[in-house]
Amino acid sequence: MTLVSGSLLGGSLAMPLPASALGEEAIVDKLEQVPVFVILNSDGQPLTAAAEVDDQEVKVPVVFIDGEAAEEFLTRAQEEDPSAEVALVDLGTLYQETVLGDEEKVPLLYLPIGDELDTAIALQSNFQGVPLFIARQGADGPYLTINQDGQASLPMFFSRNDLQTLLDRYSESNAEAADDIVVQVLSLEWLLATMTSNSDPELDAQLQQVRLFPSTEVLNYIRAQDSEPAAGE
């Protein structure tokens, strides 16, 4: 693992300015690696929840980061619609169809993994949203990157434990530097907004490096579901 200089976020969560940061294709490519879950009714429409958008209450699709949480909500949804089911989709496709498309843009409501949200709040008491964990060399130092095919990637983890696995590996060969590592958290919602609206060229270059790592527990959940025999087998 190598270190890269930079000031992503600059230690604060500022509202992005209206300008194009990453192109639609680049955003979708990054998000396609992230599995998420939605609950579909018998008409194939996603479960929605009331949310306030531009001072108006609207119904927005609910996106679950955690498959087990989606299953818990499914039990309730099936009380009203026995045909309701959990669907696995990739965030890139979902985001492209609802937020980036030419049709009327539809906001999404993301429900985080409960344990990860608790961890995020322990790091930042006023945290809201879906946590993404990142590491840097000191509170204001460069962010840790990983080298992939000769290119530096800036990893952001949906799981604090997955980030720790990376840090443990880093400390094996960089014991002294590892003592200065600081773990920080930002929200997926902030990242998505910033990737589509940003006017800072330096930040834009760092956004190009971002790689999102889904939770290992979520990936294991998906594998377990795939290995279960279909009904009737």
Protein backbone atom coordinates (compact mmCIF):
# COMPACT_ATOMS: atom_id res chain seq x y z
CA MET A 1 0.00 0.00 0.00
CA THR A 2 1.23 3.49 -0.76
CA LEU A 3 0.32 6.94 0.48
CA VAL A 4 -1.07 9.71 -1.66
CA SER A 5 -1.14 13.39 -0.79
CA GLY A 6 -4.47 15.14 -0.87
CA SER A 7 -7.14 17.03 1.00
CA LEU A 8 -10.32 15.16 0.19
CA LEU A 9 -13.10 16.78 2.21
CA GLY A 10 -10.55 18.95 4.00
CA GLY A 11 -11.93 17.59 7.26
CA SER A 12 -15.40 19.03 6.75
CA LEU A 13 -18.55 18.14 4.85
CA ALA A 14 -19.25 21.15 2.66
CA MET A 15 -22.17 21.42 0.28
CA PRO A 16 -20.94 20.91 -3.30
CA LEU A 17 -21.00 23.75 -5.80
CA PRO A 18 -22.97 23.42 -9.06
CA ALA A 19 -20.51 22.08 -11.60
CA SER A 20 -19.83 18.72 -13.20
CA ALA A 21 -17.31 16.56 -11.33
CA LEU A 22 -17.32 13.05 -12.74
CA GLY A 23 -19.14 12.03 -15.90
CA GLU A 24 -22.16 9.75 -15.65
CA GLU A 25 -20.24 6.73 -16.97
CA ALA A 26 -17.46 7.15 -14.39
CA ILE A 27 -19.97 7.44 -11.54
CA VAL A 28 -21.92 4.37 -12.64
CA ASP A 29 -18.71 2.35 -13.03
CA LYS A 30 -17.82 3.04 -9.40
CA LEU A 31 -21.30 2.29 -8.09
CA GLU A 32 -21.75 -0.93 -10.06
CA GLN A 33 -19.43 -2.66 -7.59
CA VAL A 34 -21.88 -1.99 -4.73
CA PRO A 35 -24.74 -4.48 -4.20
CA VAL A 36 -27.89 -3.05 -2.62
CA PHE A 37 -31.38 -4.34 -1.94
CA VAL A 38 -34.88 -3.09 -2.65
CA ILE A 39 -38.27 -4.55 -1.78
CA LEU A 40 -40.55 -4.93 -4.78
CA ASN A 41 -44.32 -5.28 -4.59
CA SER A 42 -46.44 -7.51 -6.81
CA ASP A 43 -46.35 -4.83 -9.53
CA GLY A 44 -42.55 -4.72 -9.48
CA GLN A 45 -42.49 -1.30 -7.83
CA PRO A 46 -40.06 -0.60 -4.97
CA LEU A 47 -41.05 -0.01 -1.38
CA THR A 48 -41.21 3.72 -0.69
CA ALA A 49 -41.08 5.93 2.38
CA ALA A 50 -42.12 9.51 3.05
CA ALA A 51 -39.28 12.01 2.83
CA GLU A 52 -39.04 15.79 2.64
CA VAL A 53 -37.63 17.07 -0.67
CA ASP A 54 -37.54 20.80 -1.39
CA ASP A 55 -39.89 21.42 1.55
CA GLN A 56 -42.41 18.95 0.16
CA GLU A 57 -43.20 15.47 1.43
CA VAL A 58 -42.76 12.90 -1.32
CA LYS A 59 -42.57 9.12 -1.57
CA VAL A 60 -39.06 7.92 -2.36
CA PRO A 61 -37.72 4.40 -3.02
CA VAL A 62 -36.00 2.77 -0.05
CA VAL A 63 -32.55 1.29 -0.71
CA PHE A 64 -31.14 -1.16 1.82
CA ILE A 65 -27.38 -1.50 2.16
CA ASP A 66 -27.91 -4.61 4.31
CA GLY A 67 -29.72 -7.66 2.92
CA GLU A 68 -30.73 -8.93 6.36
CA ALA A 69 -32.36 -5.59 7.16
CA ALA A 70 -34.24 -5.79 3.87
CA GLU A 71 -35.52 -9.25 4.86
CA GLU A 72 -36.79 -7.86 8.17
CA PHE A 73 -38.73 -5.15 6.35
CA LEU A 74 -39.99 -7.74 3.86
CA THR A 75 -41.85 -9.55 6.64
CA ARG A 76 -43.84 -6.41 7.32
CA ALA A 77 -44.34 -5.63 3.62
CA GLN A 78 -45.76 -9.10 2.99
CA GLU A 79 -48.50 -8.45 5.54
CA GLU A 80 -49.97 -6.04 3.00
CA ASP A 81 -48.64 -7.65 -0.17
CA PRO A 82 -47.83 -11.37 0.12
CA SER A 83 -46.07 -11.24 -3.27
CA ALA A 84 -43.52 -8.66 -2.11
CA GLU A 85 -39.91 -9.80 -2.44
CA VAL A 86 -36.36 -8.62 -1.89
CA ALA A 87 -34.45 -7.83 -5.08
CA LEU A 88 -30.68 -7.56 -5.36
CA VAL A 89 -29.47 -4.77 -7.67
CA ASP A 90 -26.21 -2.94 -8.17
CA LEU A 91 -26.16 0.65 -7.02
CA GLY A 92 -24.78 1.85 -10.36
CA THR A 93 -27.78 0.66 -12.35
CA LEU A 94 -30.25 1.88 -9.74
CA TYR A 95 -28.59 5.29 -9.49
CA GLN A 96 -28.44 5.65 -13.25
CA GLU A 97 -32.13 4.84 -13.69
CA THR A 98 -33.42 7.04 -10.87
CA VAL A 99 -31.01 9.91 -10.34
CA LEU A 100 -28.92 10.31 -13.49
CA GLY A 101 -31.49 9.45 -16.13
CA ASP A 102 -33.12 11.85 -18.56
CA GLU A 103 -36.52 11.17 -17.02
CA GLU A 104 -37.74 12.96 -13.91
CA LYS A 105 -35.08 12.45 -11.26
CA VAL A 106 -36.11 10.36 -8.28
CA PRO A 107 -34.31 10.78 -4.95
CA LEU A 108 -33.40 7.61 -3.06
CA LEU A 109 -33.57 6.94 0.67
CA TYR A 110 -30.61 4.83 1.81
CA LEU A 111 -30.85 2.73 4.97
CA PRO A 112 -27.40 2.00 6.43
CA ILE A 113 -26.13 -1.11 8.18
CA GLY A 114 -27.08 -0.57 11.82
CA ASP A 115 -23.80 -1.62 13.42
CA GLU A 116 -21.78 0.46 10.97
CA LEU A 117 -23.91 3.51 11.69
CA ASP A 118 -23.24 3.08 15.42
CA THR A 119 -19.51 2.92 14.67
CA ALA A 120 -19.74 6.05 12.53
CA ILE A 121 -21.54 7.96 15.29
CA ALA A 122 -18.79 6.93 17.71
CA LEU A 123 -16.30 8.59 15.34
CA GLN A 124 -18.47 11.62 14.57
CA SER A 125 -21.32 12.27 16.97
CA ASN A 126 -23.51 14.18 14.50
CA PHE A 127 -23.07 11.67 11.66
CA GLN A 128 -26.06 10.91 9.43
CA GLY A 129 -26.38 8.71 6.36
CA VAL A 130 -24.64 5.59 5.10
CA PRO A 131 -21.09 5.43 6.51
CA LEU A 132 -17.99 5.12 4.37
CA PHE A 133 -14.78 4.60 6.33
CA ILE A 134 -11.45 5.96 5.13
CA ALA A 135 -7.93 6.19 6.61
CA ARG A 136 -5.32 8.88 6.47
CA GLN A 137 -1.83 9.53 7.82
CA GLY A 138 -2.66 11.87 10.68
CA ALA A 139 -5.77 14.01 11.09
CA ASP A 140 -4.84 16.26 8.13
CA GLY A 141 -2.34 14.06 6.31
CA PRO A 142 -2.50 12.15 3.03
CA TYR A 143 -5.07 9.42 2.50
CA LEU A 144 -4.06 5.80 2.30
CA THR A 145 -4.33 4.34 -1.18
CA ILE A 146 -3.94 0.91 -2.68
CA ASN A 147 -2.04 0.20 -5.87
CA GLN A 148 -4.05 -1.61 -8.54
CA ASP A 149 -2.47 -2.36 -11.91
CA GLY A 150 0.00 0.45 -11.39
CA GLN A 151 -2.69 2.98 -10.49
CA ALA A 152 -3.48 4.42 -7.09
CA SER A 153 -7.01 3.87 -5.79
CA LEU A 154 -8.54 5.59 -2.78
CA PRO A 155 -10.47 2.88 -0.89
CA MET A 156 -13.67 3.67 0.98
CA PHE A 157 -15.23 0.89 3.01
CA PHE A 158 -18.84 0.26 3.97
CA SER A 159 -17.45 -1.81 6.86
CA ARG A 160 -15.14 -0.51 9.58
CA ASN A 161 -13.83 -4.06 10.12
CA ASP A 162 -12.91 -4.38 6.44
CA LEU A 163 -10.91 -1.18 6.66
CA GLN A 164 -9.17 -2.57 9.74
CA THR A 165 -8.14 -5.65 7.77
CA LEU A 166 -6.41 -3.35 5.30
CA LEU A 167 -4.78 -1.35 8.10
CA ASP A 168 -3.50 -4.52 9.76
CA ARG A 169 -1.83 -5.49 6.52
CA TYR A 170 -0.36 -2.01 6.18
CA SER A 171 1.06 -2.05 9.70
CA GLU A 172 2.97 -5.28 8.99
CA SER A 173 5.30 -3.42 6.65
CA ASN A 174 4.85 0.15 7.94
CA ALA A 175 4.73 -0.28 11.71
CA GLU A 176 5.96 3.20 12.60
CA ALA A 177 3.70 5.01 10.13
CA ALA A 178 0.74 2.86 11.20
CA ASP A 179 0.81 4.50 14.65
CA ASP A 180 -0.29 7.77 13.06
CA ILE A 181 -3.22 6.35 11.09
CA VAL A 182 -6.54 8.12 11.70
CA VAL A 183 -9.87 6.58 10.66
CA GLN A 184 -12.52 9.01 9.46
CA VAL A 185 -16.05 8.64 8.13
CA LEU A 186 -18.06 10.37 5.43
CA SER A 187 -21.50 9.59 4.07
CA LEU A 188 -22.37 7.84 0.84
CA GLU A 189 -24.97 10.53 0.25
CA TRP A 190 -22.31 13.25 0.43
CA LEU A 191 -20.05 11.33 -1.91
CA LEU A 192 -22.79 10.82 -4.51
CA ALA A 193 -23.76 14.49 -4.40
CA THR A 194 -20.14 15.57 -4.70
CA MET A 195 -19.37 13.24 -7.59
CA THR A 196 -22.12 14.90 -9.60
CA SER A 197 -21.53 18.49 -8.43
CA ASN A 198 -18.06 19.79 -7.75
CA SER A 199 -15.94 22.74 -8.82
CA ASP A 200 -12.61 21.87 -7.17
CA PRO A 201 -10.14 20.31 -9.66
CA GLU A 202 -8.04 18.83 -6.84
CA LEU A 203 -11.07 17.16 -5.29
CA ASP A 204 -12.18 16.03 -8.74
CA ALA A 205 -8.86 14.23 -9.25
CA GLN A 206 -9.30 12.41 -5.95
CA LEU A 207 -12.87 11.45 -6.73
CA GLN A 208 -11.53 9.78 -9.86
CA GLN A 209 -9.44 7.54 -7.58
CA VAL A 210 -12.28 6.48 -5.27
CA ARG A 211 -13.04 2.77 -5.07
CA LEU A 212 -15.98 1.58 -2.98
CA PHE A 213 -15.65 -1.70 -1.07
CA PRO A 214 -18.93 -3.39 -0.09
CA SER A 215 -19.15 -4.97 3.34
CA THR A 216 -17.73 -8.50 3.49
CA GLU A 217 -20.74 -9.50 5.58
CA VAL A 218 -23.10 -8.31 2.85
CA LEU A 219 -21.11 -10.21 0.21
CA ASN A 220 -21.24 -13.35 2.39
CA TYR A 221 -25.00 -12.89 2.76
CA ILE A 222 -25.39 -12.75 -1.02
CA ARG A 223 -23.25 -15.87 -1.47
CA ALA A 224 -25.35 -17.69 1.12
CA GLN A 225 -28.53 -16.74 -0.71
CA ASP A 226 -27.08 -17.91 -4.01
CA SER A 227 -26.15 -21.28 -2.50
CA GLU A 228 -29.63 -21.97 -1.12
CA PRO A 229 -31.74 -24.31 -3.27
CA ALA A 230 -34.73 -22.75 -4.98
CA ALA A 231 -38.19 -23.58 -3.64
CA GLY A 232 -39.38 -26.95 -4.82
CA GLU A 233 -35.88 -28.36 -5.44
